[in-house]
Every structure is written in structure tokens, then in C-alpha cells.
Amino acid sequence: MTKFLLTLFGMVLPVLLSACSAGQPAPVTWEGKPAVILVSLDGFRTEYLSRGLTPHLQALADGGVRARAMRPSFPSITFPNHYTLVTGLRPDHHGIVGNSMFDPVMPGVHFSMASHESWWWDEAEPIWVTAEKQGLNAGTMFWPGSESVIHGKRPDEWEKFDSHMSDDTRVDTLLSWYDRGVAQRPRLATLYFNAVDSAGHHFGPGSSEVNAALRDVDEAVGRLEAGLKARHIPADIIVVADHGMAPVGDDQVIAMDKVAPAASWRWVTGGAYAGVDALPGQQAVLETALLKPHDHMQCWRRDQIPARFHYGHNPRVPGYICLAETGWMIRRDGTKPEHEDRGEHGYDPALPDMSALFVAQGPDLKAGTVLEPFDNVDVYFLVAHLLGVKALPGDGSLDTFRPVLSDHPS
């Protein structure tokens, strides 16, 4: 026993002395499988990567996996697609069918991007809930749905969304979770940045302001990588966007009250697409006005939406959906907003302007591989596989990513 203790002491003492001489604790290494970190760059369309402004993202792509394009789900807007990315379900199936919506089960109750009531989100189970149910820690540094109790659970770590929080603070908050003991660190973490989307809306995708936002979020990704490396945390990093961005032309506005009598509809949502419900006794009037040909817009009754959009069966979908031609916007009336947007999304997901970024790199992914365009419903299954959790049934599959998985998956 004495010989054993002396041997053990002889092994430990050099490590302690080395740490003391460096003036800091010995580095803590990750025990077990890599962390999985899902990063969203809101509004980062695929083309932005080719501008030469994002060296950290380019290095991730070159040393890992990138997609020629990732198609968002319809409607190609923020909340529906963020929930698709973490559930593997299209909006029609996970229930977050818009950034603004109503539910016939709760008449008069309006959902907005500030709504956190559980029942809005409970039609699906996001990956952080699944991970926790299967024994893993999860942390969310912003993500639609992460502020809500879903199926009785929250992430182990979560933050109330603050659009003004700096990118550095977002990254540093997430990294601080990995300064804890191994048992307390999240195996899954999400990270969200809104700067590119905001700049795209206000100034247009070709603007200098978007280019500045691209540089900023790229620096944040670099900060994340450097922080993980300094902590000796191996990680599979997956960087995605929820949708792309298209330029909006001057005065290219369709006023709904000029298309159909304002007394015939309830406004639900507008922008690149619009949703309205018929007011009592006004269905025939509204259909007559909406379902005829229009310049720069096409409208459908909910049950007639083209099948390729996979949309219209959920009762939260408005009774009538109108989709604008790219570069046009649909508003309630012709009144100009205080700040007129120069960019918009929500258009047909098949359009190149709507395609979203996908790059990933890590121990479980092959380097230097390029994926053909795929639908974003598949991302959930990649995350679940990398975590080693059993995925729930969904609208996508792991097949897209099988060719890029390393020979030694986590």
C-alpha cells in the first residue's frame, strides 16, 4: 500500500507543480464524447460564405463539411425554421407555423415572437428536451422555444433573449458553462446571433451593413472555437441559418385592403407571404377576391396550398395564404412603415435567395466534404446522432449526412 501511494504521489506531483508554475490550474480535459454545439446565424444565406469576409467560417467549411445549399421549410421565416432545426419536423407538424399566429383551440389568443406559453410549443419535442430525458445536460444561449417549459422541461441552462446582448457576451456565457466540472457541462449547447438578419432587413443583402455583420458573426465563431480550444473541449460545431434574404424593390408593395375588402378578413401575418382568416359570413367575398389571378402574388385556400410546401394541414395555419413574388411584400394597407425594409425572407424555399448556410466541423465529421442541397429537416437527425440519443420520428433523416460521418462516430 505504501509503495502504491508513493508511486501515485510521484505521478501527481509533477502535474501540480507544472500548474502552479504556470500560475493557473491544470487544464481540464473533456472526458468522453465531444460536445455538440449548434450555432444559428439568422438570415445568413448560402451565398454570403463566398464573399471572402468570413475566414473562420470558411476554415470550418474547408476543414469539415459544407452544403451547396440548405433549403428552409415553408414559410421561410425565423421561428418556424428554428423549431424545425431542433425537432426534425416541418412547421405544419411541429405547430410553430408562423412568427404570428392564432390557434382555434384558444380563440383570440395571439402568438408572437414574445410568446412563451408551453402549449404553443408542445406539439413537438426539441432536441434539448430529448437529450435531457436521455441523461445529457443541455444549454441554450438563445433559441426560439428555449425560454419555454416544453413537455415539463427547460434546458439546464438558458437565457432570456436580448437582441442587444453583444456577440462576445453570448459566446463567453456559453463558454463559461464549460468551465465547470465534467458532470455539470452541457453535452449539447445552442448559440444564436441575429445581426446578419437585422442588417439584411434594414439595408438589403448586398449592403455594406450586411458585410459588416458577416465579419462580426465570423469573429464570434472564431472566439467560440478559440475558447473551446483553450479549455481542451473537443466539439462537433454545426453552424446553420434559418433562411436566406432577398432584396426588396422600391414601392414593391401589395396592399391587402386593395385586394380584398378590409371587412372580409382578419390579418394574421404579412411580409413575403401573408395569412388572413375570413371574418364571419365573409368567406365567399374573401375567396372571390383572393383566389383570382393577381400581379406579383398568388393566393390559396389553406387546403389548396401546393403539396411541395408541406403546409396547410395544421389548424394554426391561416385560412388563406398569399405568397408574393420575390422582391415584393404584402402589407395590410399601402401605408409605409417608419423604417422600410430593404430585404425580406418568407418566399418560396426553393429560391436561391432563401437558401441557408450549413457548415460543420468536428471529430465525428469528415474533413473537406461538400453536400448537395438538402432540406433543413435533416439537421435534427445529425445532432441526435452526434449526441448518441434516440431521435424521435420526424420529416427528415440521417441519410443526408451518412457520407460525411467519420469512421469513429461519437
Protein backbone atom coordinates (compact mmCIF):
# COMPACT_ATOMS: atom_id res chain seq x y z
CA MET A 1 0.00 0.00 0.00
CA THR A 2 2.82 2.40 0.92
CA LYS A 3 4.61 1.70 -2.36
CA PHE A 4 1.38 2.35 -4.26
CA LEU A 5 0.82 5.74 -2.55
CA LEU A 6 4.40 6.81 -3.22
CA THR A 7 4.03 5.88 -6.87
CA LEU A 8 0.71 7.76 -7.14
CA PHE A 9 2.21 10.82 -5.43
CA GLY A 10 5.12 10.71 -7.86
CA MET A 11 2.69 10.77 -10.79
CA VAL A 12 0.52 13.60 -9.47
CA LEU A 13 3.22 15.91 -8.08
CA PRO A 14 4.71 16.93 -11.47
CA VAL A 15 1.27 17.89 -12.74
CA LEU A 16 0.57 20.04 -9.68
CA LEU A 17 3.97 21.72 -9.86
CA SER A 18 3.52 22.41 -13.55
CA ALA A 19 0.14 24.02 -12.93
CA CYS A 20 1.47 26.14 -10.07
CA SER A 21 4.49 27.27 -12.09
CA ALA A 22 2.16 28.42 -14.86
CA GLY A 23 0.15 30.45 -12.37
CA GLN A 24 -3.13 28.75 -13.27
CA PRO A 25 -4.95 25.46 -12.72
CA ALA A 26 -4.04 22.49 -14.86
CA PRO A 27 -6.26 22.36 -17.97
CA VAL A 28 -9.37 20.25 -17.60
CA THR A 29 -9.93 17.82 -20.46
CA TRP A 30 -13.31 16.63 -21.69
CA GLU A 31 -13.98 13.12 -20.51
CA GLY A 32 -15.89 11.09 -23.04
CA LYS A 33 -17.60 12.22 -26.22
CA PRO A 34 -17.31 15.62 -27.93
CA ALA A 35 -19.72 18.39 -27.11
CA VAL A 36 -22.25 19.23 -29.83
CA ILE A 37 -22.71 22.96 -30.38
CA LEU A 38 -25.45 24.14 -32.74
CA VAL A 39 -24.92 27.73 -33.87
CA SER A 40 -27.54 29.78 -35.73
CA LEU A 41 -26.58 32.80 -37.83
CA ASP A 42 -30.05 34.17 -38.51
CA GLY A 43 -30.56 35.24 -42.12
CA PHE A 44 -27.14 34.03 -43.36
CA ARG A 45 -27.90 32.98 -46.91
CA THR A 46 -25.59 30.46 -48.57
CA GLU A 47 -24.07 32.99 -50.95
CA TYR A 48 -22.66 35.10 -48.09
CA LEU A 49 -19.96 32.49 -47.47
CA SER A 50 -18.43 33.22 -50.88
CA ARG A 51 -17.86 36.93 -50.19
CA GLY A 52 -14.47 36.34 -48.59
CA LEU A 53 -15.47 38.14 -45.40
CA THR A 54 -15.79 35.15 -43.06
CA PRO A 55 -12.41 33.39 -42.70
CA HIS A 56 -13.34 31.43 -39.57
CA LEU A 57 -16.48 30.05 -41.19
CA GLN A 58 -14.56 29.32 -44.37
CA ALA A 59 -11.96 27.41 -42.37
CA LEU A 60 -14.73 25.39 -40.71
CA ALA A 61 -16.14 24.58 -44.14
CA ASP A 62 -12.77 23.73 -45.66
CA GLY A 63 -11.78 21.53 -42.74
CA GLY A 64 -15.15 19.93 -42.30
CA VAL A 65 -18.47 19.80 -44.14
CA ARG A 66 -20.42 22.41 -46.06
CA ALA A 67 -23.59 22.28 -48.11
CA ARG A 68 -24.05 23.85 -51.52
CA ALA A 69 -27.38 24.98 -50.09
CA MET A 70 -29.76 24.10 -47.29
CA ARG A 71 -33.42 24.63 -48.12
CA PRO A 72 -35.57 26.09 -45.34
CA SER A 73 -39.08 24.87 -44.70
CA PHE A 74 -42.10 26.93 -45.70
CA PRO A 75 -42.67 29.59 -44.56
CA SER A 76 -39.01 30.60 -44.78
CA ILE A 77 -39.07 32.73 -41.63
CA THR A 78 -37.37 32.65 -38.25
CA PHE A 79 -39.44 30.86 -35.62
CA PRO A 80 -40.85 28.05 -37.79
CA ASN A 81 -37.41 27.17 -39.15
CA HIS A 82 -35.55 27.36 -35.87
CA TYR A 83 -38.06 24.92 -34.41
CA THR A 84 -37.69 22.68 -37.47
CA LEU A 85 -33.91 22.57 -37.00
CA VAL A 86 -34.27 21.24 -33.44
CA THR A 87 -37.27 18.93 -33.97
CA GLY A 88 -36.82 17.46 -37.47
CA LEU A 89 -40.42 18.37 -38.21
CA ARG A 90 -41.86 20.81 -40.72
CA PRO A 91 -43.86 23.72 -39.30
CA ASP A 92 -47.13 22.03 -40.25
CA HIS A 93 -46.17 19.19 -37.89
CA HIS A 94 -44.40 20.96 -35.00
CA GLY A 95 -47.05 23.66 -34.68
CA ILE A 96 -44.98 26.85 -34.90
CA VAL A 97 -46.46 27.70 -38.29
CA GLY A 98 -45.52 31.39 -38.25
CA ASN A 99 -43.93 34.20 -36.28
CA SER A 100 -47.50 35.38 -35.77
CA MET A 101 -50.46 33.02 -35.48
CA PHE A 102 -53.71 32.11 -33.79
CA ASP A 103 -55.00 28.74 -32.59
CA PRO A 104 -58.71 27.85 -32.91
CA VAL A 105 -58.46 25.99 -29.59
CA MET A 106 -57.68 29.31 -27.89
CA PRO A 107 -59.86 31.87 -29.72
CA GLY A 108 -58.48 35.39 -29.68
CA VAL A 109 -55.10 34.41 -28.18
CA HIS A 110 -52.30 35.66 -30.39
CA PHE A 111 -48.84 34.10 -30.72
CA SER A 112 -45.93 36.46 -31.30
CA MET A 113 -42.17 36.05 -31.01
CA ALA A 114 -42.51 37.02 -27.35
CA SER A 115 -44.93 34.16 -26.54
CA HIS A 116 -43.58 31.52 -24.17
CA GLU A 117 -46.67 29.62 -23.04
CA SER A 118 -45.91 25.92 -23.12
CA TRP A 119 -48.93 24.90 -25.11
CA TRP A 120 -47.71 26.72 -28.20
CA TRP A 121 -44.58 24.56 -28.27
CA ASP A 122 -45.81 21.19 -27.01
CA GLU A 123 -46.79 19.79 -30.42
CA ALA A 124 -43.14 18.74 -30.75
CA GLU A 125 -40.13 17.96 -28.59
CA PRO A 126 -36.91 19.92 -29.24
CA ILE A 127 -33.56 18.16 -29.12
CA TRP A 128 -32.56 19.72 -25.77
CA VAL A 129 -35.59 18.12 -24.09
CA THR A 130 -34.87 14.77 -25.74
CA ALA A 131 -31.23 14.99 -24.67
CA GLU A 132 -32.15 15.72 -21.06
CA LYS A 133 -34.68 12.90 -20.99
CA GLN A 134 -31.87 10.58 -22.08
CA GLY A 135 -29.48 11.74 -19.39
CA LEU A 136 -27.48 14.54 -21.06
CA ASN A 137 -27.03 18.15 -19.97
CA ALA A 138 -28.14 20.86 -22.39
CA GLY A 139 -27.70 24.63 -22.51
CA THR A 140 -29.25 27.19 -24.85
CA MET A 141 -27.70 30.59 -25.42
CA PHE A 142 -30.86 31.83 -27.14
CA TRP A 143 -33.05 29.76 -29.49
CA PRO A 144 -36.78 30.08 -30.24
CA GLY A 145 -38.60 27.88 -27.76
CA SER A 146 -35.76 27.67 -25.26
CA GLU A 147 -37.40 30.10 -22.83
CA SER A 148 -40.47 27.87 -22.53
CA VAL A 149 -41.22 24.82 -20.44
CA ILE A 150 -41.78 22.13 -23.09
CA HIS A 151 -43.15 18.76 -22.02
CA GLY A 152 -42.35 19.76 -18.45
CA LYS A 153 -38.68 20.58 -19.07
CA ARG A 154 -36.38 23.52 -19.68
CA PRO A 155 -32.74 23.36 -20.77
CA ASP A 156 -30.31 23.08 -17.84
CA GLU A 157 -29.00 26.49 -18.89
CA TRP A 158 -30.99 29.11 -20.80
CA GLU A 159 -31.11 32.86 -21.22
CA LYS A 160 -33.96 35.28 -21.86
CA PHE A 161 -33.46 36.65 -25.35
CA ASP A 162 -31.83 40.06 -25.51
CA SER A 163 -31.22 41.31 -29.05
CA HIS A 164 -28.82 43.93 -27.71
CA MET A 165 -26.50 41.47 -25.95
CA SER A 166 -23.12 41.61 -27.65
CA ASP A 167 -21.87 38.67 -29.65
CA ASP A 168 -18.84 38.40 -27.35
CA THR A 169 -21.07 38.14 -24.27
CA ARG A 170 -23.16 35.43 -25.92
CA VAL A 171 -20.06 33.39 -26.70
CA ASP A 172 -18.45 33.96 -23.31
CA THR A 173 -21.64 32.94 -21.49
CA LEU A 174 -21.74 29.66 -23.37
CA LEU A 175 -18.03 29.06 -22.80
CA SER A 176 -18.46 29.64 -19.07
CA TRP A 177 -20.63 26.54 -18.92
CA TYR A 178 -17.57 24.51 -19.92
CA ASP A 179 -15.51 25.86 -17.02
CA ARG A 180 -17.49 23.60 -14.70
CA GLY A 181 -16.84 20.05 -13.72
CA VAL A 182 -17.43 17.40 -16.34
CA ALA A 183 -20.73 16.30 -14.80
CA GLN A 184 -22.14 19.85 -14.99
CA ARG A 185 -21.09 20.77 -18.52
CA PRO A 186 -23.68 20.65 -21.32
CA ARG A 187 -23.14 17.94 -23.87
CA LEU A 188 -25.46 19.95 -26.17
CA ALA A 189 -25.36 23.74 -26.45
CA THR A 190 -27.05 26.16 -28.83
CA LEU A 191 -25.91 29.67 -29.74
CA TYR A 192 -27.84 32.30 -31.69
CA PHE A 193 -26.83 35.53 -33.47
CA ASN A 194 -29.32 37.94 -35.03
CA ALA A 195 -27.04 40.65 -36.51
CA VAL A 196 -26.94 39.39 -40.11
CA ASP A 197 -30.72 39.09 -40.33
CA SER A 198 -31.28 42.54 -38.84
CA ALA A 199 -28.83 44.16 -41.26
CA GLY A 200 -30.33 42.27 -44.19
CA HIS A 201 -33.82 43.52 -43.40
CA HIS A 202 -32.89 47.13 -42.83
CA PHE A 203 -30.29 47.62 -45.58
CA GLY A 204 -30.62 44.71 -48.02
CA PRO A 205 -28.46 41.63 -48.60
CA GLY A 206 -25.99 43.49 -50.84
CA SER A 207 -25.30 46.27 -48.36
CA SER A 208 -22.11 47.27 -46.58
CA GLU A 209 -24.02 46.87 -43.33
CA VAL A 210 -24.62 43.18 -44.06
CA ASN A 211 -20.95 42.77 -44.89
CA ALA A 212 -20.03 44.32 -41.54
CA ALA A 213 -22.44 41.96 -39.76
CA LEU A 214 -20.86 39.00 -41.57
CA ARG A 215 -17.45 39.99 -40.25
CA ASP A 216 -18.84 40.40 -36.73
CA VAL A 217 -20.51 37.00 -36.52
CA ASP A 218 -17.46 35.37 -38.08
CA GLU A 219 -15.32 36.84 -35.31
CA ALA A 220 -17.80 35.43 -32.80
CA VAL A 221 -17.45 31.96 -34.32
CA GLY A 222 -13.69 32.33 -34.10
CA ARG A 223 -14.00 33.36 -30.47
CA LEU A 224 -16.08 30.26 -29.79
CA GLU A 225 -13.51 27.99 -31.42
CA ALA A 226 -10.61 29.60 -29.57
CA GLY A 227 -12.45 29.37 -26.24
CA LEU A 228 -13.18 25.69 -26.68
CA LYS A 229 -9.59 25.01 -27.70
CA ALA A 230 -8.24 26.87 -24.66
CA ARG A 231 -10.47 24.71 -22.46
CA HIS A 232 -9.45 21.50 -24.25
CA ILE A 233 -13.08 20.81 -25.13
CA PRO A 234 -13.46 18.73 -28.31
CA ALA A 235 -16.67 19.68 -30.08
CA ASP A 236 -18.70 18.99 -33.17
CA ILE A 237 -19.69 22.52 -34.22
CA ILE A 238 -22.66 22.84 -36.58
CA VAL A 239 -23.33 26.32 -37.98
CA VAL A 240 -26.67 26.86 -39.69
CA ALA A 241 -29.05 29.59 -40.77
CA ASP A 242 -32.81 29.53 -40.66
CA HIS A 243 -33.31 31.12 -44.09
CA GLY A 244 -31.72 33.44 -46.60
CA MET A 245 -32.55 37.01 -47.61
CA ALA A 246 -33.80 38.65 -50.82
CA PRO A 247 -33.61 42.31 -51.84
CA VAL A 248 -36.88 44.24 -51.80
CA GLY A 249 -37.58 46.75 -54.56
CA ASP A 250 -38.74 50.33 -54.09
CA ASP A 251 -42.50 50.60 -53.65
CA GLN A 252 -42.98 46.92 -54.46
CA VAL A 253 -45.83 46.55 -52.00
CA ILE A 254 -49.14 44.75 -52.33
CA ALA A 255 -51.80 46.24 -50.06
CA MET A 256 -54.23 43.59 -48.83
CA ASP A 257 -57.02 46.14 -48.34
CA LYS A 258 -56.77 46.94 -52.07
CA VAL A 259 -57.07 43.25 -52.96
CA ALA A 260 -59.97 42.26 -50.70
CA PRO A 261 -62.41 44.37 -48.64
CA ALA A 262 -60.92 45.02 -45.18
CA ALA A 263 -64.25 44.00 -43.63
CA SER A 264 -63.85 40.47 -45.02
CA TRP A 265 -60.62 39.36 -43.31
CA ARG A 266 -58.67 39.19 -40.07
CA TRP A 267 -54.98 39.91 -40.55
CA VAL A 268 -52.65 37.22 -39.18
CA THR A 269 -49.26 37.88 -40.73
CA GLY A 270 -47.60 39.68 -43.62
CA GLY A 271 -44.34 40.22 -45.44
CA ALA A 272 -43.07 37.96 -48.21
CA TYR A 273 -46.20 35.93 -47.57
CA ALA A 274 -49.44 36.88 -45.89
CA GLY A 275 -52.03 34.94 -43.92
CA VAL A 276 -55.61 36.04 -43.35
CA ASP A 277 -58.75 34.44 -41.94
CA ALA A 278 -62.24 35.10 -43.24
CA LEU A 279 -64.44 37.05 -40.86
CA PRO A 280 -67.86 35.50 -40.07
CA GLY A 281 -70.10 35.46 -43.13
CA GLN A 282 -67.36 36.84 -45.39
CA GLN A 283 -65.76 33.68 -46.75
CA ALA A 284 -67.35 33.92 -50.21
CA VAL A 285 -66.42 37.59 -50.55
CA LEU A 286 -62.85 36.92 -49.47
CA GLU A 287 -62.41 33.90 -51.74
CA THR A 288 -63.73 35.76 -54.74
CA ALA A 289 -61.18 38.50 -54.16
CA LEU A 290 -58.16 36.36 -53.24
CA LEU A 291 -58.37 33.28 -55.41
CA LYS A 292 -58.33 35.06 -58.76
CA PRO A 293 -55.05 35.90 -60.56
CA HIS A 294 -53.01 38.78 -59.12
CA ASP A 295 -49.91 40.62 -60.25
CA HIS A 296 -46.86 39.65 -58.17
CA MET A 297 -48.82 37.40 -55.79
CA GLN A 298 -50.65 34.08 -55.67
CA CYS A 299 -53.19 33.08 -53.04
CA TRP A 300 -54.59 29.73 -51.92
CA ARG A 301 -57.17 28.44 -49.53
CA ARG A 302 -55.40 26.54 -46.77
CA ASP A 303 -56.38 23.15 -48.15
CA GLN A 304 -55.16 24.07 -51.64
CA ILE A 305 -51.59 25.13 -50.84
CA PRO A 306 -49.20 23.30 -53.23
CA ALA A 307 -48.04 19.98 -51.80
CA ARG A 308 -44.36 20.87 -52.24
CA PHE A 309 -44.71 23.41 -49.43
CA HIS A 310 -45.80 20.70 -46.93
CA TYR A 311 -48.06 23.31 -45.34
CA GLY A 312 -51.72 23.81 -44.64
CA HIS A 313 -52.88 20.88 -42.50
CA ASN A 314 -52.18 22.33 -39.08
CA PRO A 315 -55.24 24.21 -37.77
CA ARG A 316 -52.97 27.13 -36.81
CA VAL A 317 -52.28 27.87 -40.49
CA PRO A 318 -54.43 30.84 -41.53
CA GLY A 319 -57.40 30.09 -43.73
CA TYR A 320 -55.80 31.82 -46.72
CA ILE A 321 -52.14 32.11 -47.66
CA CYS A 322 -50.80 34.56 -50.25
CA LEU A 323 -47.20 34.31 -51.48
CA ALA A 324 -45.50 37.30 -53.05
CA GLU A 325 -43.14 37.30 -55.99
CA THR A 326 -39.55 37.68 -54.84
CA GLY A 327 -38.78 41.32 -54.07
CA TRP A 328 -42.39 42.19 -53.29
CA MET A 329 -44.06 42.46 -49.88
CA ILE A 330 -47.66 42.09 -48.74
CA ARG A 331 -48.96 44.53 -46.12
CA ARG A 332 -52.35 45.27 -44.62
CA ASP A 333 -52.53 48.58 -46.49
CA GLY A 334 -50.35 50.93 -48.50
CA THR A 335 -49.07 52.84 -45.51
CA LYS A 336 -45.28 52.94 -45.44
CA PRO A 337 -43.67 51.83 -42.18
CA GLU A 338 -41.36 54.18 -40.30
CA HIS A 339 -38.34 52.16 -41.49
CA GLU A 340 -38.90 50.50 -44.84
CA ASP A 341 -37.14 47.15 -45.16
CA ARG A 342 -34.66 46.64 -47.98
CA GLY A 343 -34.53 42.88 -47.55
CA GLU A 344 -37.07 40.15 -46.79
CA HIS A 345 -37.49 36.40 -46.45
CA GLY A 346 -40.50 34.13 -46.33
CA TYR A 347 -40.55 33.47 -50.06
CA ASP A 348 -40.56 30.08 -51.81
CA PRO A 349 -37.90 27.96 -50.02
CA ALA A 350 -36.66 26.60 -53.37
CA LEU A 351 -35.38 30.03 -54.44
CA PRO A 352 -31.59 30.53 -54.21
CA ASP A 353 -32.01 33.74 -52.22
CA MET A 354 -33.78 31.75 -49.50
CA SER A 355 -31.12 29.04 -49.20
CA ALA A 356 -29.42 28.90 -45.80
CA LEU A 357 -25.89 28.30 -44.58
CA PHE A 358 -24.74 24.89 -43.38
CA VAL A 359 -21.15 24.24 -42.31
CA ALA A 360 -19.89 21.80 -39.68
CA GLN A 361 -16.62 20.51 -38.32
CA GLY A 362 -15.56 18.20 -35.53
CA PRO A 363 -14.11 14.84 -34.54
CA ASP A 364 -17.14 12.97 -35.84
CA LEU A 365 -17.22 14.60 -39.28
CA LYS A 366 -15.03 14.00 -42.33
CA ALA A 367 -12.93 16.92 -43.49
CA GLY A 368 -13.26 18.58 -46.87
CA THR A 369 -16.65 17.22 -47.90
CA VAL A 370 -19.42 19.04 -49.78
CA LEU A 371 -23.09 18.10 -49.58
CA GLU A 372 -25.60 18.60 -52.34
CA PRO A 373 -28.63 20.78 -51.44
CA PHE A 374 -30.88 19.25 -48.77
CA ASP A 375 -33.89 20.18 -46.64
CA ASN A 376 -33.29 21.54 -43.15
CA VAL A 377 -35.46 18.84 -41.55
CA ASP A 378 -32.39 16.59 -41.68
CA VAL A 379 -30.25 18.66 -39.27
CA TYR A 380 -32.07 17.38 -36.18
CA PHE A 381 -31.11 13.82 -37.03
CA LEU A 382 -27.45 14.74 -37.37
CA VAL A 383 -27.49 16.43 -33.96
CA ALA A 384 -29.23 13.45 -32.36
CA HIS A 385 -26.72 11.05 -33.92
CA LEU A 386 -23.72 13.05 -32.73
CA LEU A 387 -25.20 13.18 -29.22
CA GLY A 388 -25.90 9.48 -29.27
CA VAL A 389 -29.56 9.97 -28.35
CA LYS A 390 -32.52 8.20 -29.90
CA ALA A 391 -34.18 10.62 -32.30
CA LEU A 392 -37.95 10.94 -32.38
CA PRO A 393 -39.79 10.28 -35.66
CA GLY A 394 -39.69 13.27 -37.99
CA ASP A 395 -39.87 14.55 -41.53
CA GLY A 396 -36.15 14.16 -42.27
CA SER A 397 -33.48 11.51 -41.82
CA LEU A 398 -29.78 10.96 -41.19
CA ASP A 399 -29.24 9.75 -44.76
CA THR A 400 -28.04 13.16 -45.96
CA PHE A 401 -25.13 13.04 -43.52
CA ARG A 402 -24.10 9.38 -43.57
CA PRO A 403 -21.38 10.02 -46.20
CA VAL A 404 -19.77 12.72 -44.03
CA LEU A 405 -19.70 10.88 -40.71
CA SER A 406 -16.24 9.83 -39.62
CA ASP A 407 -15.21 6.21 -39.23
CA HIS A 408 -15.27 6.70 -35.48
CA PRO A 409 -18.62 8.34 -34.65
CA SER A 410 -19.13 9.53 -31.11
